[in-house]
Amino acid sequence: MLALLVVCAGIFATVLFLYQMPVEAVGYATLLCAALMLLCAAVRFIWWRRRIVRLEEMEGHASLVLDQLPEPEDLEAETYQKLLWELDEVRRQVSSAADAQERENMDYYTMWVHQIKTPIAAMGLLLQGDETDRGRELRSELFRIEQYVELVLSYLRLGSDSTDYVIREYDLDGILRQAARKYAALFIRGKVSLELRPTDLRVLTDEKWLQLVVEQVLSNAVKYAPGGHVKIYTRDTRLIIEDDGVGIAREDLPRIFERGFTGCNGRMDKRATGIGLYLCREICRRLGHTITAESEPGRGTRVIIGLERPLLEVE
C-alpha cells in the first residue's frame, strides 16, 4: 500500500514537471502529498496494529466468542468472518452430538454394571457351602469378576461430575482392615502372608475411595507375589504397601500409572488392563494425596501413598 502511494506521488510530480511547472511548486506539492500519504499510512498502521493485538489477545482461548472479533475492514474480511461463524456452528453441533453420545454410553455402561451384579450375586449364593477344590476355585474366579466390575464402575464414576466424595477424618487402621478382610480369600489361595502393622493414624480423606486404592494395590501384590509376603505399614504420613514379588522392570516403572499401560508383567498376565493403577493415581490426585512406586525386578515392589492433609474442608 505504501509503495502504491509513493508511485502515485511520483506520477503526480512527473506530470507537473512535464507541464513545466516551477520546480519549487512541484517539490512543494510533492512534499505535501508525501506528508499526507505518510500520515494516512501511519493512521492505518496504528489501526491495523490494534486489530492484530486484539486478535492475539483472543488467540488460545478455548471459549472463543466470534462476536468479539474486530469489525471487518473490507468485503474479503467480512466473507472470512461469515465462514468462521458457519464453522463455529458446525463445531457446536458436532460437540453437542458427541456430548449426547457420551452421556448415552455412560448411562448404558452404568446400567450394564448394575445389571451384571445380579447374576454375580446369584452365582455367589449358589457356591456358598461348596468347600470342594472346584467350589473354592469358582468362588475365587467369581471374586475376580466382581472386582473387575467394581473397577469399571469406579472408572465410570471417576469421570462423572457427580462423584460422591465424603471428606472427613477416618481411622486408617479401619480402612486397611476392611481391605485386608475383603482380599483374605485371595491371600489364602495364593499362599501369600500378610503383615498389617497398626498405624494409629487418622487421615483426612474419603473412606470409600481410599479403600479402593488400597484394594487395588493389594490385588496387584497378590497377583505378582504368589507364595510371598506383603507388608502394610506407615512412615510419618506415608502409607506403604510392600511385597517381595516379581517386581517391575526399570523401563516400565515411570509409566505404570498411565492409563492402559501394562508393561512386561501385564503382557505376561493377559488379564491385565492397565486401568487399576491409573485409577489409583487419579483418585489420590483428587483426594489431595500422592502415590508413587519403587521396585526392582525380582526383589518386589513398594507402593507409597502420601496421606498429607489436603486443603479441603472437613464436613
C-alpha atoms as a PDB file:
ATOM      1  CA  MET A   1       0.000   0.000   0.000  1.00  0.00           C
ATOM      2  CA  LEU A   2       2.791   2.444   0.890  1.00  0.00           C
ATOM      3  CA  ALA A   3       4.623   1.593  -2.340  1.00  0.00           C
ATOM      4  CA  LEU A   4       1.469   2.412  -4.325  1.00  0.00           C
ATOM      5  CA  LEU A   5       1.196   5.782  -2.611  1.00  0.00           C
ATOM      6  CA  VAL A   6       4.840   6.555  -3.434  1.00  0.00           C
ATOM      7  CA  VAL A   7       4.255   5.637  -7.081  1.00  0.00           C
ATOM      8  CA  CYS A   8       1.194   7.914  -7.245  1.00  0.00           C
ATOM      9  CA  ALA A   9       3.176  10.772  -5.742  1.00  0.00           C
ATOM     10  CA  GLY A  10       5.911  10.169  -8.315  1.00  0.00           C
ATOM     11  CA  ILE A  11       3.397  10.253 -11.178  1.00  0.00           C
ATOM     12  CA  PHE A  12       1.917  13.475  -9.820  1.00  0.00           C
ATOM     13  CA  ALA A  13       5.336  15.117  -9.612  1.00  0.00           C
ATOM     14  CA  THR A  14       6.283  13.906 -13.122  1.00  0.00           C
ATOM     15  CA  VAL A  15       3.097  15.291 -14.703  1.00  0.00           C
ATOM     16  CA  LEU A  16       3.592  18.704 -13.091  1.00  0.00           C
ATOM     17  CA  PHE A  17       7.195  18.741 -14.214  1.00  0.00           C
ATOM     18  CA  LEU A  18       6.262  17.869 -17.818  1.00  0.00           C
ATOM     19  CA  TYR A  19       3.843  20.764 -17.868  1.00  0.00           C
ATOM     20  CA  GLN A  20       6.823  22.932 -16.984  1.00  0.00           C
ATOM     21  CA  MET A  21       5.561  23.941 -13.626  1.00  0.00           C
ATOM     22  CA  PRO A  22       8.174  25.629 -11.415  1.00  0.00           C
ATOM     23  CA  VAL A  23      10.399  23.157  -9.623  1.00  0.00           C
ATOM     24  CA  GLU A  24       9.601  24.795  -6.296  1.00  0.00           C
ATOM     25  CA  ALA A  25       5.867  24.319  -6.858  1.00  0.00           C
ATOM     26  CA  VAL A  26       6.371  20.696  -7.981  1.00  0.00           C
ATOM     27  CA  GLY A  27       8.547  19.964  -4.954  1.00  0.00           C
ATOM     28  CA  TYR A  28       6.173  21.686  -2.548  1.00  0.00           C
ATOM     29  CA  ALA A  29       3.140  19.819  -3.907  1.00  0.00           C
ATOM     30  CA  THR A  30       5.065  16.556  -3.832  1.00  0.00           C
ATOM     31  CA  LEU A  31       6.095  17.097  -0.210  1.00  0.00           C
ATOM     32  CA  LEU A  32       2.511  17.923   0.767  1.00  0.00           C
ATOM     33  CA  CYS A  33       1.251  14.771  -0.944  1.00  0.00           C
ATOM     34  CA  ALA A  34       4.004  12.679   0.637  1.00  0.00           C
ATOM     35  CA  ALA A  35       3.254  14.100   4.092  1.00  0.00           C
ATOM     36  CA  LEU A  36      -0.454  13.397   3.673  1.00  0.00           C
ATOM     37  CA  MET A  37       0.281   9.883   2.427  1.00  0.00           C
ATOM     38  CA  LEU A  38       2.621   9.195   5.363  1.00  0.00           C
ATOM     39  CA  LEU A  39       0.008  10.478   7.800  1.00  0.00           C
ATOM     40  CA  CYS A  40      -2.628   8.234   6.281  1.00  0.00           C
ATOM     41  CA  ALA A  41      -0.216   5.282   6.331  1.00  0.00           C
ATOM     42  CA  ALA A  42       0.629   5.917   9.998  1.00  0.00           C
ATOM     43  CA  VAL A  43      -3.057   6.107  10.964  1.00  0.00           C
ATOM     44  CA  ARG A  44      -3.777   2.956   9.011  1.00  0.00           C
ATOM     45  CA  PHE A  45      -0.817   1.158  10.634  1.00  0.00           C
ATOM     46  CA  ILE A  46      -1.984   2.121  14.124  1.00  0.00           C
ATOM     47  CA  TRP A  47      -5.496   0.921  13.335  1.00  0.00           C
ATOM     48  CA  TRP A  48      -4.129  -2.336  11.843  1.00  0.00           C
ATOM     49  CA  ARG A  49      -1.856  -2.888  14.822  1.00  0.00           C
ATOM     50  CA  ARG A  50      -4.745  -2.527  17.243  1.00  0.00           C
ATOM     51  CA  ARG A  51      -6.701  -5.170  15.327  1.00  0.00           C
ATOM     52  CA  ILE A  52      -3.719  -7.524  15.442  1.00  0.00           C
ATOM     53  CA  VAL A  53      -3.261  -7.011  19.199  1.00  0.00           C
ATOM     54  CA  ARG A  54      -6.957  -7.700  19.782  1.00  0.00           C
ATOM     55  CA  LEU A  55      -6.780 -10.885  17.721  1.00  0.00           C
ATOM     56  CA  GLU A  56      -3.645 -12.004  19.575  1.00  0.00           C
ATOM     57  CA  GLU A  57      -5.423 -11.482  22.895  1.00  0.00           C
ATOM     58  CA  MET A  58      -8.229 -13.761  21.718  1.00  0.00           C
ATOM     59  CA  GLU A  59      -5.812 -16.389  20.418  1.00  0.00           C
ATOM     60  CA  GLY A  60      -5.528 -19.526  22.531  1.00  0.00           C
ATOM     61  CA  HIS A  61      -8.821 -19.067  24.371  1.00  0.00           C
ATOM     62  CA  ALA A  62     -10.948 -22.228  24.200  1.00  0.00           C
ATOM     63  CA  SER A  63     -14.144 -20.227  24.667  1.00  0.00           C
ATOM     64  CA  LEU A  64     -13.601 -18.011  21.646  1.00  0.00           C
ATOM     65  CA  VAL A  65     -16.574 -15.704  21.118  1.00  0.00           C
ATOM     66  CA  LEU A  66     -16.855 -14.737  17.498  1.00  0.00           C
ATOM     67  CA  ASP A  67     -18.847 -11.582  18.165  1.00  0.00           C
ATOM     68  CA  GLN A  68     -15.737 -10.191  19.877  1.00  0.00           C
ATOM     69  CA  LEU A  69     -13.856 -10.160  16.587  1.00  0.00           C
ATOM     70  CA  PRO A  70     -12.990  -6.704  15.226  1.00  0.00           C
ATOM     71  CA  GLU A  71     -15.262  -5.250  12.591  1.00  0.00           C
ATOM     72  CA  PRO A  72     -14.243  -6.368   9.079  1.00  0.00           C
ATOM     73  CA  GLU A  73     -12.453  -3.681   7.135  1.00  0.00           C
ATOM     74  CA  ASP A  74     -13.462  -4.884   3.675  1.00  0.00           C
ATOM     75  CA  LEU A  75     -15.613  -7.409   1.846  1.00  0.00           C
ATOM     76  CA  GLU A  76     -12.927 -10.106   1.981  1.00  0.00           C
ATOM     77  CA  ALA A  77     -12.591  -9.889   5.772  1.00  0.00           C
ATOM     78  CA  GLU A  78     -16.388  -9.907   6.105  1.00  0.00           C
ATOM     79  CA  THR A  79     -16.564 -13.088   3.997  1.00  0.00           C
ATOM     80  CA  TYR A  80     -13.930 -14.778   6.180  1.00  0.00           C
ATOM     81  CA  GLN A  81     -15.886 -13.882   9.318  1.00  0.00           C
ATOM     82  CA  LYS A  82     -19.048 -15.381   7.830  1.00  0.00           C
ATOM     83  CA  LEU A  83     -17.122 -18.584   7.142  1.00  0.00           C
ATOM     84  CA  LEU A  84     -15.896 -18.594  10.756  1.00  0.00           C
ATOM     85  CA  TRP A  85     -19.464 -18.271  12.012  1.00  0.00           C
ATOM     86  CA  GLU A  86     -20.529 -21.214   9.850  1.00  0.00           C
ATOM     87  CA  LEU A  87     -17.594 -23.330  11.053  1.00  0.00           C
ATOM     88  CA  ASP A  88     -18.360 -22.434  14.670  1.00  0.00           C
ATOM     89  CA  GLU A  89     -21.964 -23.526  14.234  1.00  0.00           C
ATOM     90  CA  VAL A  90     -20.824 -26.859  12.776  1.00  0.00           C
ATOM     91  CA  ARG A  91     -18.401 -27.275  15.699  1.00  0.00           C
ATOM     92  CA  ARG A  92     -21.183 -26.626  18.208  1.00  0.00           C
ATOM     93  CA  GLN A  93     -23.411 -29.208  16.559  1.00  0.00           C
ATOM     94  CA  VAL A  94     -20.657 -31.829  16.499  1.00  0.00           C
ATOM     95  CA  SER A  95     -19.744 -31.098  20.131  1.00  0.00           C
ATOM     96  CA  SER A  96     -23.364 -31.324  21.223  1.00  0.00           C
ATOM     97  CA  ALA A  97     -23.818 -34.640  19.408  1.00  0.00           C
ATOM     98  CA  ALA A  98     -20.601 -36.010  20.947  1.00  0.00           C
ATOM     99  CA  ASP A  99     -21.685 -34.974  24.445  1.00  0.00           C
ATOM    100  CA  ALA A 100     -25.063 -36.603  23.960  1.00  0.00           C
ATOM    101  CA  GLN A 101     -23.418 -39.798  22.720  1.00  0.00           C
ATOM    102  CA  GLU A 102     -21.021 -39.823  25.676  1.00  0.00           C
ATOM    103  CA  ARG A 103     -23.892 -39.421  28.142  1.00  0.00           C
ATOM    104  CA  GLU A 104     -25.785 -42.203  26.421  1.00  0.00           C
ATOM    105  CA  ASN A 105     -22.758 -44.513  26.572  1.00  0.00           C
ATOM    106  CA  MET A 106     -22.162 -43.632  30.230  1.00  0.00           C
ATOM    107  CA  ASP A 107     -25.783 -44.405  31.112  1.00  0.00           C
ATOM    108  CA  TYR A 108     -25.632 -47.702  29.225  1.00  0.00           C
ATOM    109  CA  TYR A 109     -22.385 -48.907  30.810  1.00  0.00           C
ATOM    110  CA  THR A 110     -23.544 -47.850  34.281  1.00  0.00           C
ATOM    111  CA  MET A 111     -26.807 -49.753  33.799  1.00  0.00           C
ATOM    112  CA  TRP A 112     -24.892 -52.786  32.488  1.00  0.00           C
ATOM    113  CA  VAL A 113     -22.582 -52.809  35.506  1.00  0.00           C
ATOM    114  CA  HIS A 114     -25.509 -52.715  37.904  1.00  0.00           C
ATOM    115  CA  GLN A 115     -27.352 -55.424  35.977  1.00  0.00           C
ATOM    116  CA  ILE A 116     -24.358 -57.769  35.880  1.00  0.00           C
ATOM    117  CA  LYS A 117     -24.143 -57.604  39.664  1.00  0.00           C
ATOM    118  CA  THR A 118     -27.376 -59.605  39.956  1.00  0.00           C
ATOM    119  CA  PRO A 119     -26.106 -62.825  38.295  1.00  0.00           C
ATOM    120  CA  ILE A 120     -22.789 -62.430  40.132  1.00  0.00           C
ATOM    121  CA  ALA A 121     -24.616 -62.312  43.468  1.00  0.00           C
ATOM    122  CA  ALA A 122     -26.756 -65.287  42.412  1.00  0.00           C
ATOM    123  CA  MET A 123     -23.701 -67.342  41.493  1.00  0.00           C
ATOM    124  CA  GLY A 124     -22.139 -66.436  44.836  1.00  0.00           C
ATOM    125  CA  LEU A 125     -25.193 -67.770  46.665  1.00  0.00           C
ATOM    126  CA  LEU A 126     -25.155 -70.968  44.612  1.00  0.00           C
ATOM    127  CA  LEU A 127     -21.500 -71.563  45.501  1.00  0.00           C
ATOM    128  CA  GLN A 128     -21.946 -70.986  49.217  1.00  0.00           C
ATOM    129  CA  GLY A 129     -21.196 -74.098  51.250  1.00  0.00           C
ATOM    130  CA  ASP A 130     -19.306 -75.773  48.420  1.00  0.00           C
ATOM    131  CA  GLU A 131     -15.943 -76.449  50.091  1.00  0.00           C
ATOM    132  CA  THR A 132     -14.566 -78.634  47.328  1.00  0.00           C
ATOM    133  CA  ASP A 133     -11.486 -77.558  45.395  1.00  0.00           C
ATOM    134  CA  ARG A 134     -13.687 -76.790  42.429  1.00  0.00           C
ATOM    135  CA  GLY A 135     -16.037 -74.683  44.555  1.00  0.00           C
ATOM    136  CA  ARG A 136     -13.190 -72.672  46.034  1.00  0.00           C
ATOM    137  CA  GLU A 137     -11.721 -72.164  42.570  1.00  0.00           C
ATOM    138  CA  LEU A 138     -15.065 -70.938  41.237  1.00  0.00           C
ATOM    139  CA  ARG A 139     -15.537 -68.558  44.185  1.00  0.00           C
ATOM    140  CA  SER A 140     -12.061 -67.167  43.596  1.00  0.00           C
ATOM    141  CA  GLU A 141     -12.752 -66.513  39.930  1.00  0.00           C
ATOM    142  CA  LEU A 142     -16.154 -65.056  40.751  1.00  0.00           C
ATOM    143  CA  PHE A 143     -14.490 -62.691  43.207  1.00  0.00           C
ATOM    144  CA  ARG A 144     -12.136 -61.535  40.452  1.00  0.00           C
ATOM    145  CA  ILE A 145     -15.093 -60.916  38.139  1.00  0.00           C
ATOM    146  CA  GLU A 146     -16.792 -58.896  40.855  1.00  0.00           C
ATOM    147  CA  GLN A 147     -13.638 -56.836  41.363  1.00  0.00           C
ATOM    148  CA  TYR A 148     -13.344 -56.131  37.633  1.00  0.00           C
ATOM    149  CA  VAL A 149     -16.970 -54.973  37.604  1.00  0.00           C
ATOM    150  CA  GLU A 150     -16.321 -52.705  40.592  1.00  0.00           C
ATOM    151  CA  LEU A 151     -13.262 -51.354  38.787  1.00  0.00           C
ATOM    152  CA  VAL A 152     -15.370 -50.482  35.745  1.00  0.00           C
ATOM    153  CA  LEU A 153     -18.000 -48.789  37.921  1.00  0.00           C
ATOM    154  CA  SER A 154     -15.314 -46.794  39.736  1.00  0.00           C
ATOM    155  CA  TYR A 155     -13.826 -45.766  36.378  1.00  0.00           C
ATOM    156  CA  LEU A 156     -17.227 -44.518  35.219  1.00  0.00           C
ATOM    157  CA  ARG A 157     -17.868 -42.668  38.468  1.00  0.00           C
ATOM    158  CA  LEU A 158     -14.445 -41.069  38.381  1.00  0.00           C
ATOM    159  CA  GLY A 159     -15.265 -39.430  35.048  1.00  0.00           C
ATOM    160  CA  SER A 160     -18.608 -38.166  36.319  1.00  0.00           C
ATOM    161  CA  ASP A 161     -19.210 -34.659  37.655  1.00  0.00           C
ATOM    162  CA  SER A 162     -21.292 -36.113  40.494  1.00  0.00           C
ATOM    163  CA  THR A 163     -18.628 -38.274  42.166  1.00  0.00           C
ATOM    164  CA  ASP A 164     -19.779 -38.726  45.768  1.00  0.00           C
ATOM    165  CA  TYR A 165     -16.750 -37.665  47.789  1.00  0.00           C
ATOM    166  CA  VAL A 166     -17.290 -37.504  51.549  1.00  0.00           C
ATOM    167  CA  ILE A 167     -14.200 -35.864  53.028  1.00  0.00           C
ATOM    168  CA  ARG A 168     -13.706 -36.222  56.785  1.00  0.00           C
ATOM    169  CA  GLU A 169     -11.293 -37.750  59.263  1.00  0.00           C
ATOM    170  CA  TYR A 170     -11.169 -41.561  59.211  1.00  0.00           C
ATOM    171  CA  ASP A 171      -9.274 -44.189  61.149  1.00  0.00           C
ATOM    172  CA  LEU A 172      -6.680 -45.517  58.732  1.00  0.00           C
ATOM    173  CA  ASP A 173      -6.444 -48.874  60.536  1.00  0.00           C
ATOM    174  CA  GLY A 174     -10.158 -49.441  59.959  1.00  0.00           C
ATOM    175  CA  ILE A 175      -9.795 -48.812  56.218  1.00  0.00           C
ATOM    176  CA  LEU A 176      -6.817 -51.176  55.999  1.00  0.00           C
ATOM    177  CA  ARG A 177      -8.565 -53.940  57.948  1.00  0.00           C
ATOM    178  CA  GLN A 178     -11.608 -53.767  55.664  1.00  0.00           C
ATOM    179  CA  ALA A 179      -9.421 -54.075  52.573  1.00  0.00           C
ATOM    180  CA  ALA A 180      -7.432 -56.967  54.103  1.00  0.00           C
ATOM    181  CA  ARG A 181     -10.600 -58.869  55.045  1.00  0.00           C
ATOM    182  CA  LYS A 182     -12.004 -58.402  51.553  1.00  0.00           C
ATOM    183  CA  TYR A 183      -8.901 -59.954  49.978  1.00  0.00           C
ATOM    184  CA  ALA A 184      -8.327 -62.598  52.672  1.00  0.00           C
ATOM    185  CA  ALA A 185      -9.508 -65.438  50.435  1.00  0.00           C
ATOM    186  CA  LEU A 186      -7.104 -64.446  47.662  1.00  0.00           C
ATOM    187  CA  PHE A 187      -4.233 -64.200  50.131  1.00  0.00           C
ATOM    188  CA  ILE A 188      -5.001 -67.690  51.398  1.00  0.00           C
ATOM    189  CA  ARG A 189      -5.420 -69.137  47.921  1.00  0.00           C
ATOM    190  CA  GLY A 190      -2.198 -67.533  46.677  1.00  0.00           C
ATOM    191  CA  LYS A 191      -0.373 -68.625  49.873  1.00  0.00           C
ATOM    192  CA  VAL A 192       0.625 -65.005  50.446  1.00  0.00           C
ATOM    193  CA  SER A 193       1.255 -63.944  54.042  1.00  0.00           C
ATOM    194  CA  LEU A 194       0.112 -60.507  55.154  1.00  0.00           C
ATOM    195  CA  GLU A 195       1.746 -58.388  57.816  1.00  0.00           C
ATOM    196  CA  LEU A 196      -0.518 -55.499  58.812  1.00  0.00           C
ATOM    197  CA  ARG A 197       1.121 -53.207  61.344  1.00  0.00           C
ATOM    198  CA  PRO A 198      -1.047 -50.812  63.386  1.00  0.00           C
ATOM    199  CA  THR A 199      -0.749 -47.236  62.126  1.00  0.00           C
ATOM    200  CA  ASP A 200      -2.682 -45.297  64.810  1.00  0.00           C
ATOM    201  CA  LEU A 201      -3.330 -42.612  62.180  1.00  0.00           C
ATOM    202  CA  ARG A 202      -6.400 -40.567  61.426  1.00  0.00           C
ATOM    203  CA  VAL A 203      -6.434 -39.235  57.887  1.00  0.00           C
ATOM    204  CA  LEU A 204      -8.497 -36.601  56.129  1.00  0.00           C
ATOM    205  CA  THR A 205      -9.813 -38.445  53.096  1.00  0.00           C
ATOM    206  CA  ASP A 206     -12.778 -40.253  51.557  1.00  0.00           C
ATOM    207  CA  GLU A 207     -13.053 -43.712  53.094  1.00  0.00           C
ATOM    208  CA  LYS A 208     -14.583 -45.494  50.118  1.00  0.00           C
ATOM    209  CA  TRP A 209     -12.186 -44.113  47.514  1.00  0.00           C
ATOM    210  CA  LEU A 210      -9.050 -44.543  49.639  1.00  0.00           C
ATOM    211  CA  GLN A 211     -10.069 -48.123  50.372  1.00  0.00           C
ATOM    212  CA  LEU A 212     -10.413 -48.705  46.636  1.00  0.00           C
ATOM    213  CA  VAL A 213      -6.814 -47.530  46.165  1.00  0.00           C
ATOM    214  CA  VAL A 214      -5.576 -49.881  48.910  1.00  0.00           C
ATOM    215  CA  GLU A 215      -7.571 -52.785  47.473  1.00  0.00           C
ATOM    216  CA  GLN A 216      -6.140 -52.269  44.004  1.00  0.00           C
ATOM    217  CA  VAL A 217      -2.572 -52.197  45.331  1.00  0.00           C
ATOM    218  CA  LEU A 218      -3.239 -55.354  47.389  1.00  0.00           C
ATOM    219  CA  SER A 219      -4.735 -57.026  44.327  1.00  0.00           C
ATOM    220  CA  ASN A 220      -1.532 -56.389  42.381  1.00  0.00           C
ATOM    221  CA  ALA A 221       0.569 -57.608  45.310  1.00  0.00           C
ATOM    222  CA  VAL A 222      -1.309 -60.919  45.477  1.00  0.00           C
ATOM    223  CA  LYS A 223      -1.150 -61.302  41.710  1.00  0.00           C
ATOM    224  CA  TYR A 224       2.571 -60.684  41.332  1.00  0.00           C
ATOM    225  CA  ALA A 225       3.853 -62.144  44.632  1.00  0.00           C
ATOM    226  CA  PRO A 226       2.405 -65.697  44.764  1.00  0.00           C
ATOM    227  CA  GLY A 227       3.692 -67.565  47.786  1.00  0.00           C
ATOM    228  CA  GLY A 228       5.347 -64.380  49.001  1.00  0.00           C
ATOM    229  CA  HIS A 229       4.914 -61.808  51.736  1.00  0.00           C
ATOM    230  CA  VAL A 230       3.083 -58.470  51.843  1.00  0.00           C
ATOM    231  CA  LYS A 231       3.650 -55.783  54.478  1.00  0.00           C
ATOM    232  CA  ILE A 232       1.459 -52.765  55.207  1.00  0.00           C
ATOM    233  CA  TYR A 233       2.902 -50.067  57.455  1.00  0.00           C
ATOM    234  CA  THR A 234       3.343 -46.314  57.750  1.00  0.00           C
ATOM    235  CA  ARG A 235       6.196 -43.849  57.996  1.00  0.00           C
ATOM    236  CA  ASP A 236       5.064 -40.465  59.225  1.00  0.00           C
ATOM    237  CA  THR A 237       2.037 -39.727  56.997  1.00  0.00           C
ATOM    238  CA  ARG A 238       3.015 -42.165  54.266  1.00  0.00           C
ATOM    239  CA  LEU A 239       1.197 -45.470  53.849  1.00  0.00           C
ATOM    240  CA  ILE A 240       3.499 -48.154  52.424  1.00  0.00           C
ATOM    241  CA  ILE A 241       2.362 -51.435  50.879  1.00  0.00           C
ATOM    242  CA  GLU A 242       5.353 -53.637  50.130  1.00  0.00           C
ATOM    243  CA  ASP A 243       5.644 -57.075  48.563  1.00  0.00           C
ATOM    244  CA  ASP A 244       8.519 -59.395  47.665  1.00  0.00           C
ATOM    245  CA  GLY A 245       7.155 -60.436  44.289  1.00  0.00           C
ATOM    246  CA  VAL A 246       8.493 -60.296  40.751  1.00  0.00           C
ATOM    247  CA  GLY A 247       8.952 -56.528  40.795  1.00  0.00           C
ATOM    248  CA  ILE A 248       8.680 -54.086  37.909  1.00  0.00           C
ATOM    249  CA  ALA A 249      11.138 -53.598  35.061  1.00  0.00           C
ATOM    250  CA  ARG A 250      13.129 -50.393  35.382  1.00  0.00           C
ATOM    251  CA  GLU A 251      11.970 -49.089  32.000  1.00  0.00           C
ATOM    252  CA  ASP A 252       8.315 -49.707  32.949  1.00  0.00           C
ATOM    253  CA  LEU A 253       8.386 -48.063  36.377  1.00  0.00           C
ATOM    254  CA  PRO A 254       7.913 -44.418  35.220  1.00  0.00           C
ATOM    255  CA  ARG A 255       4.804 -45.392  33.236  1.00  0.00           C
ATOM    256  CA  ILE A 256       2.882 -47.782  35.497  1.00  0.00           C
ATOM    257  CA  PHE A 257       0.333 -45.084  36.462  1.00  0.00           C
ATOM    258  CA  GLU A 258      -0.508 -44.266  32.846  1.00  0.00           C
ATOM    259  CA  ARG A 259      -3.909 -45.307  31.565  1.00  0.00           C
ATOM    260  CA  GLY A 260      -3.795 -48.573  29.636  1.00  0.00           C
ATOM    261  CA  PHE A 261      -0.098 -49.247  30.305  1.00  0.00           C
ATOM    262  CA  THR A 262       0.547 -52.867  31.317  1.00  0.00           C
ATOM    263  CA  GLY A 263       4.316 -53.285  30.920  1.00  0.00           C
ATOM    264  CA  CYS A 264       6.241 -56.548  30.850  1.00  0.00           C
ATOM    265  CA  ASN A 265       4.283 -58.101  33.729  1.00  0.00           C
ATOM    266  CA  GLY A 266       0.989 -57.164  32.117  1.00  0.00           C
ATOM    267  CA  ARG A 267       1.989 -58.737  28.820  1.00  0.00           C
ATOM    268  CA  MET A 268       2.711 -61.996  30.648  1.00  0.00           C
ATOM    269  CA  ASP A 269      -0.591 -61.756  32.529  1.00  0.00           C
ATOM    270  CA  LYS A 270      -3.118 -61.494  29.695  1.00  0.00           C
ATOM    271  CA  ARG A 271      -5.840 -60.334  32.109  1.00  0.00           C
ATOM    272  CA  ALA A 272      -4.067 -57.068  32.929  1.00  0.00           C
ATOM    273  CA  THR A 273      -5.964 -53.966  31.775  1.00  0.00           C
ATOM    274  CA  GLY A 274      -3.662 -51.121  32.782  1.00  0.00           C
ATOM    275  CA  ILE A 275      -6.593 -49.325  34.442  1.00  0.00           C
ATOM    276  CA  GLY A 276      -6.111 -50.142  38.132  1.00  0.00           C
ATOM    277  CA  LEU A 277      -3.036 -48.062  38.922  1.00  0.00           C
ATOM    278  CA  TYR A 278      -4.261 -45.257  36.677  1.00  0.00           C
ATOM    279  CA  LEU A 279      -7.416 -45.120  38.798  1.00  0.00           C
ATOM    280  CA  CYS A 280      -5.281 -45.105  41.944  1.00  0.00           C
ATOM    281  CA  ARG A 281      -3.328 -42.106  40.704  1.00  0.00           C
ATOM    282  CA  GLU A 282      -6.452 -40.165  39.701  1.00  0.00           C
ATOM    283  CA  ILE A 283      -8.228 -40.932  42.972  1.00  0.00           C
ATOM    284  CA  CYS A 284      -5.204 -39.865  45.017  1.00  0.00           C
ATOM    285  CA  ARG A 285      -4.864 -36.688  42.983  1.00  0.00           C
ATOM    286  CA  ARG A 286      -8.493 -35.757  43.573  1.00  0.00           C
ATOM    287  CA  LEU A 287      -8.253 -36.537  47.283  1.00  0.00           C
ATOM    288  CA  GLY A 288      -5.119 -34.424  47.655  1.00  0.00           C
ATOM    289  CA  HIS A 289      -2.889 -37.478  48.231  1.00  0.00           C
ATOM    290  CA  THR A 290       0.121 -38.734  46.290  1.00  0.00           C
ATOM    291  CA  ILE A 291       1.084 -42.184  45.075  1.00  0.00           C
ATOM    292  CA  THR A 292       4.480 -43.407  43.899  1.00  0.00           C
ATOM    293  CA  ALA A 293       6.183 -46.753  43.438  1.00  0.00           C
ATOM    294  CA  GLU A 294       9.659 -48.168  43.953  1.00  0.00           C
ATOM    295  CA  SER A 295      10.664 -51.547  42.582  1.00  0.00           C
ATOM    296  CA  GLU A 296      13.465 -53.803  41.451  1.00  0.00           C
ATOM    297  CA  PRO A 297      12.932 -56.834  39.213  1.00  0.00           C
ATOM    298  CA  GLY A 298      12.929 -59.992  41.314  1.00  0.00           C
ATOM    299  CA  ARG A 299      13.023 -58.080  44.610  1.00  0.00           C
ATOM    300  CA  GLY A 300       9.476 -56.819  44.962  1.00  0.00           C
ATOM    301  CA  THR A 301       7.585 -53.547  44.813  1.00  0.00           C
ATOM    302  CA  ARG A 302       6.885 -50.790  47.314  1.00  0.00           C
ATOM    303  CA  VAL A 303       3.872 -48.526  46.736  1.00  0.00           C
ATOM    304  CA  ILE A 304       3.893 -45.319  48.787  1.00  0.00           C
ATOM    305  CA  ILE A 305       0.699 -43.334  49.353  1.00  0.00           C
ATOM    306  CA  GLY A 306       1.228 -39.861  50.782  1.00  0.00           C
ATOM    307  CA  LEU A 307      -1.633 -39.048  53.150  1.00  0.00           C
ATOM    308  CA  GLU A 308      -0.720 -35.470  53.961  1.00  0.00           C
ATOM    309  CA  ARG A 309      -3.784 -33.460  54.881  1.00  0.00           C
ATOM    310  CA  PRO A 310      -5.271 -31.985  51.699  1.00  0.00           C
ATOM    311  CA  LEU A 311      -6.512 -28.403  51.628  1.00  0.00           C
ATOM    312  CA  LEU A 312     -10.141 -29.467  51.977  1.00  0.00           C
ATOM    313  CA  GLU A 313     -12.836 -28.615  54.486  1.00  0.00           C
ATOM    314  CA  VAL A 314     -13.934 -31.303  56.918  1.00  0.00           C
ATOM    315  CA  GLU A 315     -17.662 -31.997  56.955  1.00  0.00           C
END
